[in-house]
Amino acid sequence: MGIVNIEDALHDQLRRAARASCRSINGQAAFWIRIGMLGELNPGLTFQELVARELTAAGVAAPAPDGVAA
């Protein structure tokens, strides 16, 4: 494990995003890094597709939308 140096403005945005997403600052940074890496490796997928794929791989099942039978 190491230390990553980032500019102050990016750290401020990271802190704000972490608070909005109910994540730690390190957790938010890891999320952004992972999504960025997946985006580079899978340029044809959207952000939503990347997140859905990761959630499915983790065994998370989305509830059926309101009014739709499961």
Protein backbone atom coordinates (compact mmCIF):
# COMPACT_ATOMS: atom_id res chain seq x y z
CA MET A 1 0.00 0.00 0.00
CA GLY A 2 1.31 3.42 -0.82
CA ILE A 3 0.53 7.10 -0.76
CA VAL A 4 -0.84 8.89 -3.80
CA ASN A 5 -0.20 12.61 -4.15
CA ILE A 6 -3.04 14.54 -5.76
CA GLU A 7 -3.58 18.25 -6.18
CA ASP A 8 -5.53 20.10 -3.51
CA ALA A 9 -8.48 20.92 -5.78
CA LEU A 10 -8.96 17.25 -6.68
CA HIS A 11 -8.72 16.25 -3.01
CA ASP A 12 -11.42 18.80 -2.18
CA GLN A 13 -13.69 17.34 -4.86
CA LEU A 14 -12.90 13.84 -3.59
CA ARG A 15 -13.87 14.84 -0.05
CA ARG A 16 -17.16 16.36 -1.24
CA ALA A 17 -18.01 13.34 -3.41
CA ALA A 18 -17.23 10.99 -0.52
CA ARG A 19 -19.63 12.84 1.74
CA ALA A 20 -22.39 12.83 -0.91
CA SER A 21 -21.87 9.10 -1.59
CA CYS A 22 -21.61 8.09 2.10
CA ARG A 23 -18.10 6.73 1.51
CA SER A 24 -14.80 7.39 3.21
CA ILE A 25 -12.38 9.56 1.25
CA ASN A 26 -10.24 6.48 0.58
CA GLY A 27 -13.33 4.51 -0.46
CA GLN A 28 -14.37 7.25 -2.90
CA ALA A 29 -10.85 7.43 -4.35
CA ALA A 30 -10.81 3.65 -4.80
CA PHE A 31 -14.22 3.80 -6.51
CA TRP A 32 -13.10 6.50 -8.92
CA ILE A 33 -9.86 4.65 -9.67
CA ARG A 34 -11.67 1.35 -10.27
CA ILE A 35 -14.34 2.91 -12.51
CA GLY A 36 -11.68 4.83 -14.41
CA MET A 37 -9.64 1.67 -14.96
CA LEU A 38 -12.73 -0.28 -16.05
CA GLY A 39 -13.68 2.57 -18.39
CA GLU A 40 -10.27 2.47 -20.06
CA LEU A 41 -10.41 -1.32 -20.40
CA ASN A 42 -14.02 -1.29 -21.67
CA PRO A 43 -14.42 1.90 -23.73
CA GLY A 44 -17.70 0.71 -25.28
CA LEU A 45 -19.52 0.53 -21.94
CA THR A 46 -21.27 3.43 -20.22
CA PHE A 47 -20.75 4.31 -16.56
CA GLN A 48 -24.12 2.75 -15.73
CA GLU A 49 -23.18 -0.46 -17.56
CA LEU A 50 -19.87 -0.68 -15.72
CA VAL A 51 -21.53 -0.20 -12.33
CA ALA A 52 -24.30 -2.68 -13.16
CA ARG A 53 -21.72 -5.25 -14.24
CA GLU A 54 -19.75 -4.79 -11.01
CA LEU A 55 -22.88 -5.04 -8.86
CA THR A 56 -23.99 -8.20 -10.66
CA ALA A 57 -20.53 -9.73 -10.24
CA ALA A 58 -20.76 -8.97 -6.50
CA GLY A 59 -24.11 -10.76 -6.29
CA VAL A 60 -26.27 -7.66 -5.84
CA ALA A 61 -29.77 -8.10 -7.31
CA ALA A 62 -31.69 -4.98 -8.22
CA PRO A 63 -35.28 -4.85 -7.00
CA ALA A 64 -38.00 -4.80 -9.66
CA PRO A 65 -39.20 -1.29 -10.57
CA ASP A 66 -42.49 -0.18 -9.03
CA GLY A 67 -45.46 -1.71 -10.81
CA VAL A 68 -43.45 -4.51 -12.41
CA ALA A 69 -43.91 -8.08 -11.21
CA ALA A 70 -40.69 -9.83 -10.23
